[in-house]
Amino acid sequence: MAPMEPTTVTTPLPRAASNASPILLAFAPRGVASPGVARHGAGTPGVGTPGVGPHGVGPHGGAPDLAATTAEWSILFADIRGYSGIAEQLHPRVLHGYVDRFLVAMTDVIVGFRGTVDKYIGDAVMAYWGGASADNAHAERAVRCALALVDAARRVDQALDAEGLPRLQISVGINSGSAHVGHLGPLPCRTPTILGDAVNLAARFQSLAGALGVAVLIGERTVALAPAYEHRCLGLMKIRGRLASARVFEPLALRRGLSVKSVSQNVRSYPEIAPDEFRSALSHLDVPDLRLDL
């Protein structure tokens, strides 16, 4: 598959209010400022709020306005598998602490891989890499981050289990493609975010990962941009609401004896799983937002 040339469209956005909303500040997670408030200088990756990172520096605190940008990005979604059952078991205050420990651990990893945390969605975290000024390393960095998230989640799970709390497993989805980063919402709550079909597909991959019983699921474009990894092709999926089907892969490990820079662009992946295996595995699952074309 030929690499897609990023297209950049830059439009200045209106400046948000000079002061952060007191409501947003009051409800920000510990150690994290309100949406749109940078803890570091412009363009500096670090622990910020959702919407703050290398590509999401907010307009407050002397940081420059975010410019609306359409380019190629790698988008990641990660959430807690079986969260509804966990929420049913725990007191709301205990559940809040449970989710907070998960999100703090995931955010630390994402920031460590120079990702931008876009937002928290209940028990899920959304992040992205890339942009017009980035090279194709954004996909490889996202895949490396996803595998590190799984390891971090295992460590959190061990601590939770020792305290008698429900076990923690996660599902991660990654997709690469054209998307638009810009502000949404009225002032003073205007927040940077990323939108596009590529983003929606990443969220679908995350849901599908849980249904297929794999920790991480990625799209074909991400595979093409991250050839340093071995991948297992899990088949061609038709997702309800979309005209085009999507081929999905499970990333396995770095290829032996090869660095990211030395790997050929010819991607080799493991053989596809037979459709009958999917039908057997998925026959008892209820995944209302996905329709499998098998």
Protein backbone atom coordinates (compact mmCIF):
# COMPACT_ATOMS: atom_id res chain seq x y z
CA MET A 1 0.00 0.00 0.00
CA ALA A 2 1.57 3.28 -1.08
CA PRO A 3 2.22 5.84 1.68
CA MET A 4 -0.35 8.60 1.80
CA GLU A 5 1.00 12.11 1.46
CA PRO A 6 -0.24 14.29 4.35
CA THR A 7 -2.26 17.32 3.39
CA THR A 8 -1.95 20.33 5.64
CA VAL A 9 -4.58 23.02 6.02
CA THR A 10 -3.81 25.65 8.64
CA THR A 11 -6.43 28.08 9.92
CA PRO A 12 -6.01 30.38 12.94
CA LEU A 13 -8.58 29.67 15.63
CA PRO A 14 -10.18 32.25 17.94
CA ARG A 15 -8.40 32.80 21.24
CA ALA A 16 -10.16 31.30 24.24
CA ALA A 17 -10.88 33.22 27.41
CA SER A 18 -7.83 34.51 29.24
CA ASN A 19 -8.59 32.52 32.39
CA ALA A 20 -9.39 28.85 32.79
CA SER A 21 -12.92 27.97 33.82
CA PRO A 22 -13.21 27.54 37.63
CA ILE A 23 -15.52 24.58 37.04
CA LEU A 24 -12.99 22.83 34.80
CA LEU A 25 -10.20 23.49 37.31
CA ALA A 26 -12.30 22.13 40.18
CA PHE A 27 -12.95 18.83 38.44
CA ALA A 28 -9.56 18.29 36.81
CA PRO A 29 -7.83 15.03 37.86
CA ARG A 30 -5.05 15.35 40.41
CA GLY A 31 -1.80 16.61 38.93
CA VAL A 32 -3.59 17.68 35.76
CA ALA A 33 -4.74 21.15 34.80
CA SER A 34 -8.03 21.97 33.10
CA PRO A 35 -8.56 21.24 29.40
CA GLY A 36 -6.58 23.61 27.23
CA VAL A 37 -4.15 24.63 30.00
CA ALA A 38 -0.54 23.74 29.26
CA ARG A 39 1.82 22.74 32.06
CA HIS A 40 4.78 22.98 29.70
CA GLY A 41 5.86 25.35 26.95
CA ALA A 42 4.43 25.23 23.47
CA GLY A 43 5.36 22.10 21.56
CA THR A 44 6.87 20.41 24.60
CA PRO A 45 5.51 16.93 25.33
CA GLY A 46 4.75 16.32 28.94
CA VAL A 47 2.08 15.68 31.49
CA GLY A 48 -0.72 18.01 30.59
CA THR A 49 -4.45 17.77 30.46
CA PRO A 50 -6.48 16.06 27.80
CA GLY A 51 -5.77 18.16 24.75
CA VAL A 52 -2.27 19.10 25.87
CA GLY A 53 0.89 17.62 24.42
CA PRO A 54 3.15 17.99 21.40
CA HIS A 55 0.19 18.84 19.15
CA GLY A 56 -2.41 20.06 21.62
CA VAL A 57 -1.00 23.06 23.46
CA GLY A 58 -3.84 25.20 24.74
CA PRO A 59 -4.26 28.96 24.41
CA HIS A 60 -3.83 29.77 28.13
CA GLY A 61 -0.87 30.61 30.30
CA GLY A 62 1.03 32.45 27.58
CA ALA A 63 1.03 29.48 25.19
CA PRO A 64 0.17 30.34 21.56
CA ASP A 65 -3.16 29.53 19.95
CA LEU A 66 -3.58 26.08 18.44
CA ALA A 67 -3.84 26.16 14.65
CA ALA A 68 -6.38 23.89 12.99
CA THR A 69 -4.45 21.22 11.08
CA THR A 70 -5.46 18.45 8.70
CA ALA A 71 -2.69 15.86 8.32
CA GLU A 72 -1.88 12.19 8.81
CA TRP A 73 -2.04 11.00 12.42
CA SER A 74 -1.99 7.77 14.40
CA ILE A 75 -4.87 7.64 16.88
CA LEU A 76 -5.12 5.34 19.91
CA PHE A 77 -8.04 4.40 22.14
CA ALA A 78 -7.63 2.29 25.29
CA ASP A 79 -10.24 1.29 27.83
CA ILE A 80 -11.00 -1.18 30.61
CA ARG A 81 -12.39 -4.47 29.38
CA GLY A 82 -15.61 -5.50 31.15
CA TYR A 83 -16.01 -2.08 32.74
CA SER A 84 -19.80 -2.34 33.13
CA GLY A 85 -19.43 -5.41 35.35
CA ILE A 86 -16.72 -3.71 37.41
CA ALA A 87 -18.88 -0.60 37.87
CA GLU A 88 -21.73 -2.83 39.04
CA GLN A 89 -19.56 -4.34 41.78
CA LEU A 90 -17.93 -1.23 43.25
CA HIS A 91 -19.14 1.71 45.30
CA PRO A 92 -18.95 4.87 43.13
CA ARG A 93 -16.15 6.35 45.26
CA VAL A 94 -14.10 3.15 45.01
CA LEU A 95 -14.83 2.98 41.28
CA HIS A 96 -13.58 6.53 40.85
CA GLY A 97 -10.27 5.63 42.48
CA TYR A 98 -10.05 2.44 40.40
CA VAL A 99 -10.49 4.31 37.11
CA ASP A 100 -8.21 7.14 38.22
CA ARG A 101 -5.35 4.70 38.91
CA PHE A 102 -5.84 3.20 35.46
CA LEU A 103 -5.94 6.55 33.65
CA VAL A 104 -2.94 7.96 35.52
CA ALA A 105 -0.87 4.87 34.58
CA MET A 106 -1.99 5.03 30.94
CA THR A 107 -1.32 8.76 30.69
CA ASP A 108 2.20 8.38 32.07
CA VAL A 109 2.99 5.84 29.35
CA ILE A 110 1.42 7.89 26.54
CA VAL A 111 3.32 11.02 27.53
CA GLY A 112 6.51 8.94 27.74
CA PHE A 113 6.04 8.04 24.07
CA ARG A 114 5.45 11.70 23.14
CA GLY A 115 1.73 11.23 22.58
CA THR A 116 -0.96 13.86 23.01
CA VAL A 117 -3.76 12.85 25.38
CA ASP A 118 -6.88 14.12 23.65
CA LYS A 119 -9.46 13.29 26.31
CA TYR A 120 -10.74 10.83 28.88
CA ILE A 121 -14.08 9.19 28.00
CA GLY A 122 -15.31 7.50 31.16
CA ASP A 123 -12.91 4.58 31.58
CA ALA A 124 -11.23 5.21 28.21
CA VAL A 125 -8.30 7.37 27.14
CA MET A 126 -7.83 8.77 23.64
CA ALA A 127 -4.44 9.90 22.31
CA TYR A 128 -2.71 10.67 19.04
CA TRP A 129 0.67 11.14 17.34
CA GLY A 130 1.73 12.70 14.04
CA GLY A 131 0.83 15.84 12.17
CA ALA A 132 2.20 17.76 9.22
CA SER A 133 5.65 18.26 10.77
CA ALA A 134 6.07 14.63 11.85
CA ASP A 135 7.63 11.76 9.93
CA ASN A 136 6.16 8.27 9.66
CA ALA A 137 7.55 7.38 13.10
CA HIS A 138 4.18 8.39 14.59
CA ALA A 139 2.67 4.97 13.79
CA GLU A 140 5.63 3.01 15.14
CA ARG A 141 5.59 5.16 18.30
CA ALA A 142 1.86 4.52 18.77
CA VAL A 143 2.32 0.74 18.44
CA ARG A 144 5.23 0.77 20.89
CA CYS A 145 3.07 2.79 23.27
CA ALA A 146 0.16 0.35 22.96
CA LEU A 147 2.32 -2.61 23.92
CA ALA A 148 3.74 -0.60 26.83
CA LEU A 149 0.18 0.23 27.93
CA VAL A 150 -0.60 -3.48 28.15
CA ASP A 151 2.47 -4.01 30.36
CA ALA A 152 1.54 -1.04 32.55
CA ALA A 153 -2.01 -2.33 32.89
CA ARG A 154 -0.67 -5.68 34.10
CA ARG A 155 1.24 -3.93 36.88
CA VAL A 156 -1.87 -1.97 37.89
CA ASP A 157 -3.86 -5.21 37.80
CA GLN A 158 -1.43 -6.89 40.21
CA ALA A 159 -1.77 -4.03 42.67
CA LEU A 160 -5.57 -3.99 42.40
CA ASP A 161 -5.79 -7.75 42.83
CA ALA A 162 -3.64 -7.58 45.97
CA GLU A 163 -6.19 -5.13 47.40
CA GLY A 164 -9.12 -7.44 46.59
CA LEU A 165 -10.39 -5.27 43.76
CA PRO A 166 -11.62 -6.57 40.36
CA ARG A 167 -8.96 -7.67 37.90
CA LEU A 168 -7.97 -5.20 35.19
CA GLN A 169 -7.62 -5.97 31.49
CA ILE A 170 -7.51 -3.46 28.68
CA SER A 171 -8.33 -3.24 24.99
CA VAL A 172 -6.37 -0.94 22.68
CA GLY A 173 -7.16 0.13 19.13
CA ILE A 174 -4.90 2.12 16.78
CA ASN A 175 -5.55 3.50 13.32
CA SER A 176 -3.54 5.83 11.09
CA GLY A 177 -4.92 8.20 8.50
CA SER A 178 -6.04 11.71 7.68
CA ALA A 179 -7.71 13.62 10.52
CA HIS A 180 -8.27 17.20 11.64
CA VAL A 181 -7.04 18.72 14.91
CA GLY A 182 -8.70 21.89 16.13
CA HIS A 183 -10.81 23.44 18.87
CA LEU A 184 -14.43 22.51 19.56
CA GLY A 185 -17.05 24.04 21.82
CA PRO A 186 -17.94 27.51 23.08
CA LEU A 187 -15.70 29.76 25.14
CA PRO A 188 -14.49 29.38 27.86
CA CYS A 189 -14.75 25.59 27.48
CA ARG A 190 -13.22 25.46 24.00
CA THR A 191 -11.05 22.35 23.85
CA PRO A 192 -8.63 20.96 21.23
CA THR A 193 -9.52 17.56 19.79
CA ILE A 194 -9.01 15.38 16.72
CA LEU A 195 -11.79 14.28 14.33
CA GLY A 196 -12.10 12.20 11.18
CA ASP A 197 -13.00 8.78 9.82
CA ALA A 198 -9.56 7.53 10.85
CA VAL A 199 -10.35 8.49 14.45
CA ASN A 200 -13.72 6.75 14.41
CA LEU A 201 -12.12 3.63 12.96
CA ALA A 202 -9.51 3.58 15.74
CA ALA A 203 -12.34 3.59 18.30
CA ARG A 204 -14.01 0.69 16.45
CA PHE A 205 -10.76 -1.27 16.48
CA GLN A 206 -10.56 -0.80 20.24
CA SER A 207 -14.08 -2.23 20.66
CA LEU A 208 -13.29 -5.06 18.27
CA ALA A 209 -10.09 -5.95 20.15
CA GLY A 210 -12.13 -6.97 23.17
CA ALA A 211 -14.54 -8.98 21.02
CA LEU A 212 -11.69 -10.83 19.33
CA GLY A 213 -9.89 -11.47 22.61
CA VAL A 214 -6.68 -9.59 21.72
CA ALA A 215 -5.13 -6.77 23.73
CA VAL A 216 -4.17 -4.55 20.77
CA LEU A 217 -5.75 -4.24 17.33
CA ILE A 218 -4.42 -1.97 14.57
CA GLY A 219 -5.34 -1.00 11.04
CA GLU A 220 -3.66 -1.65 7.70
CA ARG A 221 -2.22 1.84 7.31
CA THR A 222 -0.61 1.61 10.75
CA VAL A 223 0.95 -1.72 9.76
CA ALA A 224 2.41 -0.14 6.63
CA LEU A 225 3.92 2.68 8.68
CA ALA A 226 5.28 0.42 11.44
CA PRO A 227 7.18 -2.32 9.57
CA ALA A 228 9.53 -2.96 12.50
CA TYR A 229 6.83 -5.15 14.07
CA GLU A 230 5.58 -8.60 13.25
CA HIS A 231 1.82 -8.60 12.79
CA ARG A 232 -0.87 -11.25 12.67
CA CYS A 233 -3.64 -10.46 10.20
CA LEU A 234 -7.04 -11.21 11.74
CA GLY A 235 -9.13 -10.71 8.64
CA LEU A 236 -11.20 -8.20 6.71
CA MET A 237 -13.99 -6.64 8.77
CA LYS A 238 -17.00 -4.69 7.57
CA ILE A 239 -18.01 -2.20 10.23
CA ARG A 240 -21.63 -1.13 10.37
CA GLY A 241 -22.15 2.40 9.09
CA ARG A 242 -19.07 2.39 6.84
CA LEU A 243 -19.02 1.51 3.14
CA ALA A 244 -15.44 0.23 3.12
CA SER A 245 -14.25 -2.85 4.97
CA ALA A 246 -11.15 -2.70 7.15
CA ARG A 247 -8.38 -5.27 7.51
CA VAL A 248 -7.22 -5.61 11.11
CA PHE A 249 -3.98 -6.84 12.65
CA GLU A 250 -2.57 -7.81 16.01
CA PRO A 251 0.96 -6.44 16.61
CA LEU A 252 3.22 -9.10 18.11
CA ALA A 253 6.85 -8.06 18.61
CA LEU A 254 9.79 -6.30 17.02
CA ARG A 255 11.43 -8.27 14.22
CA ARG A 256 14.57 -10.01 15.47
CA GLY A 257 17.89 -8.39 14.69
CA LEU A 258 16.32 -5.36 13.04
CA SER A 259 16.01 -1.81 14.24
CA VAL A 260 13.16 0.49 13.33
CA LYS A 261 15.45 2.42 10.96
CA SER A 262 16.86 -0.63 9.17
CA VAL A 263 13.63 -2.45 8.42
CA SER A 264 12.38 -2.73 4.84
CA GLN A 265 9.10 -1.08 3.95
CA ASN A 266 7.78 -4.44 2.74
CA VAL A 267 5.45 -5.50 5.53
CA ARG A 268 5.23 -9.21 6.29
CA SER A 269 2.44 -10.39 8.56
CA TYR A 270 1.25 -13.73 9.83
CA PRO A 271 -1.44 -15.58 7.87
CA GLU A 272 -5.04 -14.61 8.32
CA ILE A 273 -7.23 -16.54 10.74
CA ALA A 274 -9.86 -18.61 8.96
CA PRO A 275 -13.36 -17.06 9.00
CA ASP A 276 -14.80 -20.16 10.69
CA GLU A 277 -12.57 -19.53 13.68
CA PHE A 278 -14.02 -16.04 14.01
CA ARG A 279 -17.59 -17.28 13.75
CA SER A 280 -16.95 -19.79 16.52
CA ALA A 281 -15.23 -17.27 18.77
CA LEU A 282 -17.74 -14.47 18.23
CA SER A 283 -20.99 -16.41 18.14
CA HIS A 284 -21.70 -15.68 21.82
CA LEU A 285 -20.62 -12.03 21.82
CA ASP A 286 -22.85 -8.98 21.57
CA VAL A 287 -21.00 -6.20 19.72
CA PRO A 288 -23.82 -3.90 18.59
CA ASP A 289 -21.62 -1.29 16.87
CA LEU A 290 -19.74 -3.77 14.69
CA ARG A 291 -20.83 -6.02 11.84
CA LEU A 292 -18.28 -8.58 10.74
CA ASP A 293 -18.00 -9.33 7.02
CA LEU A 294 -16.83 -12.95 7.12
